[in-house]
C-alpha atoms as a PDB file:
ATOM      1  CA  MET A   1      71.428  78.396  72.564  1.00  0.00           C
ATOM      2  CA  PHE A   2      73.542  81.403  73.490  1.00  0.00           C
ATOM      3  CA  PRO A   3      77.115  80.839  74.762  1.00  0.00           C
ATOM      4  CA  MET A   4      77.759  81.428  78.444  1.00  0.00           C
ATOM      5  CA  PRO A   5      79.388  84.789  79.277  1.00  0.00           C
ATOM      6  CA  ARG A   6      83.108  84.637  79.937  1.00  0.00           C
ATOM      7  CA  ILE A   7      84.035  85.987  83.372  1.00  0.00           C
ATOM      8  CA  LEU A   8      87.596  86.785  84.417  1.00  0.00           C
ATOM      9  CA  VAL A   9      88.304  86.812  88.159  1.00  0.00           C
ATOM     10  CA  THR A  10      91.428  88.408  89.639  1.00  0.00           C
ATOM     11  CA  ASN A  11      92.569  90.026  92.902  1.00  0.00           C
ATOM     12  CA  ASP A  12      95.577  91.413  94.762  1.00  0.00           C
ATOM     13  CA  ASP A  13      95.563  89.007  97.742  1.00  0.00           C
ATOM     14  CA  GLY A  14      96.907  86.186  95.610  1.00  0.00           C
ATOM     15  CA  VAL A  15      95.568  83.194  93.727  1.00  0.00           C
ATOM     16  CA  HIS A  16      95.302  81.097  96.920  1.00  0.00           C
ATOM     17  CA  SER A  17      93.156  83.632  98.803  1.00  0.00           C
ATOM     18  CA  ASP A  18      89.896  82.373 100.312  1.00  0.00           C
ATOM     19  CA  GLY A  19      88.243  85.507  98.917  1.00  0.00           C
ATOM     20  CA  ILE A  20      89.003  84.749  95.284  1.00  0.00           C
ATOM     21  CA  ARG A  21      88.043  81.094  95.686  1.00  0.00           C
ATOM     22  CA  LEU A  22      84.611  81.992  97.084  1.00  0.00           C
ATOM     23  CA  LEU A  23      84.167  84.703  94.451  1.00  0.00           C
ATOM     24  CA  ALA A  24      84.841  82.267  91.618  1.00  0.00           C
ATOM     25  CA  GLU A  25      82.390  79.736  93.092  1.00  0.00           C
ATOM     26  CA  THR A  26      79.702  82.408  93.464  1.00  0.00           C
ATOM     27  CA  LEU A  27      80.076  83.621  89.867  1.00  0.00           C
ATOM     28  CA  ALA A  28      80.121  80.136  88.315  1.00  0.00           C
ATOM     29  CA  PRO A  29      76.310  80.011  87.757  1.00  0.00           C
ATOM     30  CA  PHE A  30      76.512  83.209  85.674  1.00  0.00           C
ATOM     31  CA  GLY A  31      79.204  82.217  83.187  1.00  0.00           C
ATOM     32  CA  ASP A  32      82.436  80.428  82.389  1.00  0.00           C
ATOM     33  CA  VAL A  33      84.812  81.615  85.110  1.00  0.00           C
ATOM     34  CA  THR A  34      88.572  81.811  84.665  1.00  0.00           C
ATOM     35  CA  VAL A  35      90.789  82.853  87.576  1.00  0.00           C
ATOM     36  CA  VAL A  36      94.036  84.689  86.779  1.00  0.00           C
ATOM     37  CA  ALA A  37      95.644  86.203  89.866  1.00  0.00           C
ATOM     38  CA  PRO A  38      99.057  87.021  91.369  1.00  0.00           C
ATOM     39  CA  ILE A  39     100.983  84.006  92.612  1.00  0.00           C
ATOM     40  CA  GLN A  40     101.569  85.849  95.888  1.00  0.00           C
ATOM     41  CA  GLU A  41     100.005  88.804  97.676  1.00  0.00           C
ATOM     42  CA  ALA A  42     100.278  92.090  95.762  1.00  0.00           C
ATOM     43  CA  SER A  43      98.269  94.406  98.020  1.00  0.00           C
ATOM     44  CA  ALA A  44      98.659  98.210  97.891  1.00  0.00           C
ATOM     45  CA  ILE A  45     100.523  97.915  94.602  1.00  0.00           C
ATOM     46  CA  GLY A  46      98.141 100.207  92.743  1.00  0.00           C
ATOM     47  CA  HIS A  47      98.002 100.174  88.956  1.00  0.00           C
ATOM     48  CA  ALA A  48     101.554  98.909  88.491  1.00  0.00           C
ATOM     49  CA  LEU A  49     102.734  97.077  85.381  1.00  0.00           C
ATOM     50  CA  THR A  50     105.782  94.810  85.350  1.00  0.00           C
ATOM     51  CA  LEU A  51     108.036  96.064  82.548  1.00  0.00           C
ATOM     52  CA  ARG A  52     111.604  95.205  83.603  1.00  0.00           C
ATOM     53  CA  ARG A  53     111.446  91.421  83.840  1.00  0.00           C
ATOM     54  CA  PRO A  54     109.571  88.582  82.133  1.00  0.00           C
ATOM     55  CA  LEU A  55     106.364  87.144  83.542  1.00  0.00           C
ATOM     56  CA  ARG A  56     105.339  83.501  83.733  1.00  0.00           C
ATOM     57  CA  ILE A  57     102.022  81.649  83.857  1.00  0.00           C
ATOM     58  CA  ASP A  58     101.595  78.782  86.346  1.00  0.00           C
ATOM     59  CA  THR A  59      98.594  76.479  86.027  1.00  0.00           C
ATOM     60  CA  ILE A  60      97.144  75.948  89.511  1.00  0.00           C
ATOM     61  CA  GLY A  61      94.053  73.973  88.537  1.00  0.00           C
ATOM     62  CA  PRO A  62      91.284  73.807  85.928  1.00  0.00           C
ATOM     63  CA  ARG A  63      90.803  77.398  84.655  1.00  0.00           C
ATOM     64  CA  VAL A  64      92.940  78.730  87.524  1.00  0.00           C
ATOM     65  CA  PHE A  65      96.226  80.430  86.660  1.00  0.00           C
ATOM     66  CA  ALA A  66      98.863  82.323  88.655  1.00  0.00           C
ATOM     67  CA  ILE A  67     101.066  85.139  87.361  1.00  0.00           C
ATOM     68  CA  ASP A  68     104.240  86.271  89.104  1.00  0.00           C
ATOM     69  CA  GLY A  69     103.189  89.903  88.766  1.00  0.00           C
ATOM     70  CA  THR A  70     100.557  92.505  89.604  1.00  0.00           C
ATOM     71  CA  PRO A  71      96.769  92.448  89.174  1.00  0.00           C
ATOM     72  CA  THR A  72      97.184  94.703  86.132  1.00  0.00           C
ATOM     73  CA  ASP A  73      99.643  92.197  84.670  1.00  0.00           C
ATOM     74  CA  CYS A  74      97.120  89.429  85.330  1.00  0.00           C
ATOM     75  CA  VAL A  75      94.335  91.160  83.399  1.00  0.00           C
ATOM     76  CA  ASN A  76      96.564  91.847  80.400  1.00  0.00           C
ATOM     77  CA  ILE A  77      98.011  88.335  80.238  1.00  0.00           C
ATOM     78  CA  ALA A  78      94.567  86.799  80.717  1.00  0.00           C
ATOM     79  CA  VAL A  79      93.111  88.786  77.820  1.00  0.00           C
ATOM     80  CA  THR A  80      96.013  88.240  75.424  1.00  0.00           C
ATOM     81  CA  HIS A  81      97.264  84.723  76.187  1.00  0.00           C
ATOM     82  CA  ILE A  82      94.849  82.757  78.397  1.00  0.00           C
ATOM     83  CA  LEU A  83      91.397  83.781  77.196  1.00  0.00           C
ATOM     84  CA  LYS A  84      92.807  85.056  73.869  1.00  0.00           C
ATOM     85  CA  GLY A  85      90.173  87.765  73.776  1.00  0.00           C
ATOM     86  CA  LYS A  86      88.150  90.073  75.998  1.00  0.00           C
ATOM     87  CA  PRO A  87      85.857  88.504  78.590  1.00  0.00           C
ATOM     88  CA  ASP A  88      82.319  89.751  79.068  1.00  0.00           C
ATOM     89  CA  LEU A  89      83.022  90.741  82.667  1.00  0.00           C
ATOM     90  CA  ILE A  90      85.967  91.187  85.041  1.00  0.00           C
ATOM     91  CA  VAL A  91      85.453  90.874  88.791  1.00  0.00           C
ATOM     92  CA  SER A  92      88.372  91.681  91.093  1.00  0.00           C
ATOM     93  CA  GLY A  93      88.376  90.558  94.731  1.00  0.00           C
ATOM     94  CA  ILE A  94      87.113  89.739  97.208  1.00  0.00           C
ATOM     95  CA  ASN A  95      89.641  92.020  98.883  1.00  0.00           C
ATOM     96  CA  LYS A  96      90.560  91.458 102.518  1.00  0.00           C
ATOM     97  CA  GLY A  97      89.762  94.959 103.768  1.00  0.00           C
ATOM     98  CA  TRP A  98      87.718  97.898 102.497  1.00  0.00           C
ATOM     99  CA  ASN A  99      88.772 100.033  99.536  1.00  0.00           C
ATOM    100  CA  LEU A 100      87.082 103.340 100.355  1.00  0.00           C
ATOM    101  CA  GLY A 101      87.727 106.969  99.500  1.00  0.00           C
ATOM    102  CA  ASP A 102      91.160 107.652  98.054  1.00  0.00           C
ATOM    103  CA  ASP A 103      92.374 104.194  99.086  1.00  0.00           C
ATOM    104  CA  VAL A 104      91.287 103.160  95.593  1.00  0.00           C
ATOM    105  CA  THR A 105      94.457 104.803  94.245  1.00  0.00           C
ATOM    106  CA  TYR A 106      96.626 102.333  96.185  1.00  0.00           C
ATOM    107  CA  SER A 107      94.508  99.240  95.752  1.00  0.00           C
ATOM    108  CA  GLY A 108      95.608  96.406  93.506  1.00  0.00           C
ATOM    109  CA  THR A 109      92.094  94.984  93.664  1.00  0.00           C
ATOM    110  CA  VAL A 110      90.567  98.209  92.344  1.00  0.00           C
ATOM    111  CA  SER A 111      93.336  98.445  89.740  1.00  0.00           C
ATOM    112  CA  GLY A 112      92.379  95.051  88.358  1.00  0.00           C
ATOM    113  CA  ALA A 113      88.936  96.478  87.594  1.00  0.00           C
ATOM    114  CA  LEU A 114      90.454  99.763  86.404  1.00  0.00           C
ATOM    115  CA  GLU A 115      92.537  97.906  83.821  1.00  0.00           C
ATOM    116  CA  GLY A 116      89.396  96.178  82.635  1.00  0.00           C
ATOM    117  CA  ALA A 117      87.671  99.549  82.204  1.00  0.00           C
ATOM    118  CA  LEU A 118      90.622 100.864  80.193  1.00  0.00           C
ATOM    119  CA  LEU A 119      90.206  97.871  77.889  1.00  0.00           C
ATOM    120  CA  GLY A 120      86.486  98.595  77.522  1.00  0.00           C
ATOM    121  CA  ILE A 121      85.415  95.569  79.580  1.00  0.00           C
ATOM    122  CA  PRO A 122      82.643  95.875  82.219  1.00  0.00           C
ATOM    123  CA  SER A 123      84.484  95.479  85.522  1.00  0.00           C
ATOM    124  CA  ILE A 124      83.740  95.286  89.233  1.00  0.00           C
ATOM    125  CA  ALA A 125      85.982  95.493  92.308  1.00  0.00           C
ATOM    126  CA  VAL A 126      84.663  93.907  95.519  1.00  0.00           C
ATOM    127  CA  SER A 127      86.002  94.407  99.061  1.00  0.00           C
ATOM    128  CA  ALA A 128      84.987  93.173 102.511  1.00  0.00           C
ATOM    129  CA  PRO A 129      85.871  94.570 105.958  1.00  0.00           C
ATOM    130  CA  ARG A 130      88.830  93.152 107.842  1.00  0.00           C
ATOM    131  CA  VAL A 131      88.832  92.863 111.631  1.00  0.00           C
ATOM    132  CA  LYS A 132      92.430  92.498 112.796  1.00  0.00           C
ATOM    133  CA  ASP A 133      93.587  89.882 110.283  1.00  0.00           C
ATOM    134  CA  ALA A 134      90.277  88.036 109.938  1.00  0.00           C
ATOM    135  CA  CYS A 135      87.810  88.529 107.103  1.00  0.00           C
ATOM    136  CA  ASP A 136      84.413  86.976 106.392  1.00  0.00           C
ATOM    137  CA  PHE A 137      83.949  86.932 102.612  1.00  0.00           C
ATOM    138  CA  THR A 138      80.403  85.541 102.641  1.00  0.00           C
ATOM    139  CA  GLN A 139      78.535  88.818 102.318  1.00  0.00           C
ATOM    140  CA  GLY A 140      81.031  90.097  99.746  1.00  0.00           C
ATOM    141  CA  ALA A 141      80.369  87.015  97.623  1.00  0.00           C
ATOM    142  CA  VAL A 142      76.606  87.499  97.814  1.00  0.00           C
ATOM    143  CA  ALA A 143      76.905  91.159  96.796  1.00  0.00           C
ATOM    144  CA  ALA A 144      79.357  90.312  94.014  1.00  0.00           C
ATOM    145  CA  GLY A 145      76.945  87.774  92.580  1.00  0.00           C
ATOM    146  CA  GLN A 146      74.034  90.226  92.656  1.00  0.00           C
ATOM    147  CA  VAL A 147      76.007  93.030  91.018  1.00  0.00           C
ATOM    148  CA  ALA A 148      77.599  90.740  88.440  1.00  0.00           C
ATOM    149  CA  GLU A 149      74.234  89.290  87.416  1.00  0.00           C
ATOM    150  CA  ALA A 150      72.782  92.789  86.991  1.00  0.00           C
ATOM    151  CA  VAL A 151      75.777  94.006  84.953  1.00  0.00           C
ATOM    152  CA  LEU A 152      75.717  90.970  82.674  1.00  0.00           C
ATOM    153  CA  LEU A 153      72.021  91.614  82.069  1.00  0.00           C
ATOM    154  CA  ARG A 154      72.125  95.383  81.558  1.00  0.00           C
ATOM    155  CA  GLY A 155      75.725  96.135  80.562  1.00  0.00           C
ATOM    156  CA  MET A 156      77.823  99.050  81.786  1.00  0.00           C
ATOM    157  CA  PRO A 157      78.810 102.438  80.345  1.00  0.00           C
ATOM    158  CA  ARG A 158      82.095 102.182  78.441  1.00  0.00           C
ATOM    159  CA  PHE A 159      85.225 103.084  80.439  1.00  0.00           C
ATOM    160  CA  THR A 160      83.326 102.820  83.732  1.00  0.00           C
ATOM    161  CA  PHE A 161      83.782 100.322  86.560  1.00  0.00           C
ATOM    162  CA  LEU A 162      82.087  99.703  89.903  1.00  0.00           C
ATOM    163  CA  ASN A 163      83.759  99.719  93.316  1.00  0.00           C
ATOM    164  CA  VAL A 164      81.719  97.601  95.739  1.00  0.00           C
ATOM    165  CA  ASN A 165      82.316  97.529  99.516  1.00  0.00           C
ATOM    166  CA  VAL A 166      80.207  95.475 101.912  1.00  0.00           C
ATOM    167  CA  PRO A 167      79.497  96.426 105.544  1.00  0.00           C
ATOM    168  CA  LEU A 168      80.514  94.641 108.700  1.00  0.00           C
ATOM    169  CA  GLY A 169      77.455  92.704 109.821  1.00  0.00           C
ATOM    170  CA  PRO A 170      74.088  92.226 108.086  1.00  0.00           C
ATOM    171  CA  SER A 171      73.422  94.336 105.000  1.00  0.00           C
ATOM    172  CA  LYS A 172      70.467  96.705 104.714  1.00  0.00           C
ATOM    173  CA  GLY A 173      70.735  96.772 100.917  1.00  0.00           C
ATOM    174  CA  PHE A 174      72.693  98.706  98.301  1.00  0.00           C
ATOM    175  CA  LYS A 175      73.506 102.421  98.123  1.00  0.00           C
ATOM    176  CA  ALA A 176      74.935 104.405  95.224  1.00  0.00           C
ATOM    177  CA  THR A 177      77.848 106.381  96.654  1.00  0.00           C
ATOM    178  CA  VAL A 178      80.710 108.787  95.993  1.00  0.00           C
ATOM    179  CA  GLN A 179      84.255 108.475  97.292  1.00  0.00           C
ATOM    180  CA  ALA A 180      84.590 109.569 100.913  1.00  0.00           C
ATOM    181  CA  LYS A 181      86.890 112.404 101.922  1.00  0.00           C
ATOM    182  CA  ARG A 182      89.277 112.321 104.843  1.00  0.00           C
ATOM    183  CA  ASN A 183      92.210 114.023 106.486  1.00  0.00           C
ATOM    184  CA  HIS A 184      95.064 111.604 105.962  1.00  0.00           C
ATOM    185  CA  VAL A 185      98.078 111.629 108.266  1.00  0.00           C
ATOM    186  CA  THR A 186     101.030 109.581 107.035  1.00  0.00           C
ATOM    187  CA  VAL A 187     102.702 107.398 109.648  1.00  0.00           C
ATOM    188  CA  VAL A 188     106.229 106.111 108.996  1.00  0.00           C
ATOM    189  CA  SER A 189     107.948 104.393 111.915  1.00  0.00           C
ATOM    190  CA  GLU A 190     111.725 104.251 112.226  1.00  0.00           C
ATOM    191  CA  ARG A 191     113.459 101.241 113.779  1.00  0.00           C
ATOM    192  CA  MET A 192     117.017 100.016 114.171  1.00  0.00           C
ATOM    193  CA  ASP A 193     118.425  96.766 112.831  1.00  0.00           C
ATOM    194  CA  PRO A 194     120.994  94.710 114.828  1.00  0.00           C
ATOM    195  CA  ARG A 195     123.784  96.732 113.191  1.00  0.00           C
ATOM    196  CA  HIS A 196     122.223 100.012 114.358  1.00  0.00           C
ATOM    197  CA  ARG A 197     121.205 101.078 110.884  1.00  0.00           C
ATOM    198  CA  PRO A 198     117.754 102.677 110.584  1.00  0.00           C
ATOM    199  CA  TYR A 199     114.978 101.105 108.577  1.00  0.00           C
ATOM    200  CA  TYR A 200     111.406 102.245 108.026  1.00  0.00           C
ATOM    201  CA  TRP A 201     107.878 100.819 107.996  1.00  0.00           C
ATOM    202  CA  ILE A 202     105.109 102.746 106.226  1.00  0.00           C
ATOM    203  CA  GLU A 203     102.031 102.246 108.405  1.00  0.00           C
ATOM    204  CA  GLU A 204      98.419 102.490 107.293  1.00  0.00           C
ATOM    205  CA  GLY A 205      98.164 105.996 108.711  1.00  0.00           C
ATOM    206  CA  GLU A 206      95.635 107.830 110.804  1.00  0.00           C
ATOM    207  CA  ASN A 207      92.371 108.550 109.035  1.00  0.00           C
ATOM    208  CA  HIS A 208      89.694 111.018 110.032  1.00  0.00           C
ATOM    209  CA  TRP A 209      86.760 110.569 107.680  1.00  0.00           C
ATOM    210  CA  GLU A 210      84.570 113.573 106.963  1.00  0.00           C
ATOM    211  CA  PHE A 211      80.826 113.109 107.322  1.00  0.00           C
ATOM    212  CA  GLN A 212      79.243 112.962 103.877  1.00  0.00           C
ATOM    213  CA  ASP A 213      75.789 111.470 103.575  1.00  0.00           C
ATOM    214  CA  HIS A 214      76.344 109.809 100.189  1.00  0.00           C
ATOM    215  CA  SER A 215      79.919 108.593 100.677  1.00  0.00           C
ATOM    216  CA  ASP A 216      81.130 105.012 100.478  1.00  0.00           C
ATOM    217  CA  TYR A 217      82.478 105.182 104.031  1.00  0.00           C
ATOM    218  CA  GLN A 218      79.174 106.447 105.415  1.00  0.00           C
ATOM    219  CA  ALA A 219      77.233 103.751 103.563  1.00  0.00           C
ATOM    220  CA  VAL A 220      79.223 100.824 104.967  1.00  0.00           C
ATOM    221  CA  SER A 221      79.223 102.470 108.401  1.00  0.00           C
ATOM    222  CA  ASP A 222      75.418 102.602 108.244  1.00  0.00           C
ATOM    223  CA  GLY A 223      75.190  98.939 107.209  1.00  0.00           C
ATOM    224  CA  TYR A 224      74.752  99.265 103.450  1.00  0.00           C
ATOM    225  CA  VAL A 225      76.646  97.819 100.499  1.00  0.00           C
ATOM    226  CA  SER A 226      78.350 100.738  98.801  1.00  0.00           C
ATOM    227  CA  ILE A 227      78.520 100.881  94.983  1.00  0.00           C
ATOM    228  CA  THR A 228      80.678 103.693  93.606  1.00  0.00           C
ATOM    229  CA  PRO A 229      80.938 104.196  89.834  1.00  0.00           C
ATOM    230  CA  LEU A 230      84.534 105.091  88.927  1.00  0.00           C
ATOM    231  CA  GLN A 231      86.361 105.941  85.710  1.00  0.00           C
ATOM    232  CA  PRO A 232      89.974 106.137  84.498  1.00  0.00           C
ATOM    233  CA  ASP A 233      89.571 109.827  83.538  1.00  0.00           C
ATOM    234  CA  MET A 234      91.203 111.751  86.406  1.00  0.00           C
ATOM    235  CA  THR A 235      90.724 115.199  84.873  1.00  0.00           C
ATOM    236  CA  ALA A 236      89.766 117.798  87.505  1.00  0.00           C
ATOM    237  CA  HIS A 237      87.138 119.502  85.377  1.00  0.00           C
ATOM    238  CA  ASP A 238      86.328 122.085  88.056  1.00  0.00           C
ATOM    239  CA  ALA A 239      89.943 123.326  87.970  1.00  0.00           C
ATOM    240  CA  PHE A 240      89.837 124.851  84.463  1.00  0.00           C
ATOM    241  CA  LYS A 241      88.825 128.193  85.980  1.00  0.00           C
ATOM    242  CA  TYR A 242      91.909 127.962  88.190  1.00  0.00           C
ATOM    243  CA  LEU A 243      94.117 127.368  85.146  1.00  0.00           C
ATOM    244  CA  ASP A 244      92.555 130.407  83.503  1.00  0.00           C
ATOM    245  CA  GLN A 245      93.476 132.490  86.548  1.00  0.00           C
ATOM    246  CA  LEU A 246      97.091 131.380  86.240  1.00  0.00           C
ATOM    247  CA  SER A 247      97.169 132.985  82.761  1.00  0.00           C
ATOM    248  CA  LEU A 248      99.508 130.251  81.547  1.00  0.00           C
ATOM    249  CA  VAL A 249      97.239 128.473  79.103  1.00  0.00           C
ATOM    250  CA  VAL A 250      94.212 129.267  77.019  1.00  0.00           C
ATOM    251  CA  PRO A 251      91.344 126.847  77.653  1.00  0.00           C
ATOM    252  CA  GLU A 252      90.844 124.634  74.602  1.00  0.00           C
ATOM    253  CA  ALA A 253      87.171 125.567  74.469  1.00  0.00           C
ATOM    254  CA  LEU A 254      88.085 129.261  73.983  1.00  0.00           C
ATOM    255  CA  LYS A 255      90.402 128.689  71.034  1.00  0.00           C
ATOM    256  CA  SER A 256      88.999 129.784  67.690  1.00  0.00           C
END
């Protein structure tokens, strides 16, 4: 009899999030699930590592652990000290709100999966739409289970991870997508404290998404579950011609 796959579940909404609880329950039939997540919300923290203070592990319940750090911290501590080895799969989420387009660069949920990819572990990030402050994680859990089962069966290319976003309302199925493009306008509001000193809130900004038939944004807008394959390699391969025009460097491929 073959051993059950080991599945690590993390997120950026915190270990007590309804999304991570439902995700862990959904993945339980597919393997031995261990939850290692931030002790409190760590949204929009990106791929941050905690390097200037110690981190601690709190046991919340059977196979459920909280770390006073970031999702990236959680993955590293889980691999080295809780699981004491690499799991067969990492699933990060279910995030309260979409992670579409270049939002993936800010997302702690996506960064949990990114860290898994860097470690050579098949990884998935899962996000569901948020309406005001409410979020229904049911469809995200269903999609996560379907994708996880397929990945455990077929594997995943090394140093690749999947970014999954589910639509608002019934799903029409899955679509393979690319990251959407948008015109992003930063919004920072200034306010005054009782001592008349200014302070600032960074808002979510104003987004104008470009129409792109195969984008993640278009897929969820049309009622599909978006699956975008991502990778840690951020090299802009199309820009080598630009570097050549700058006459500052010689492309490596042209060196003899």
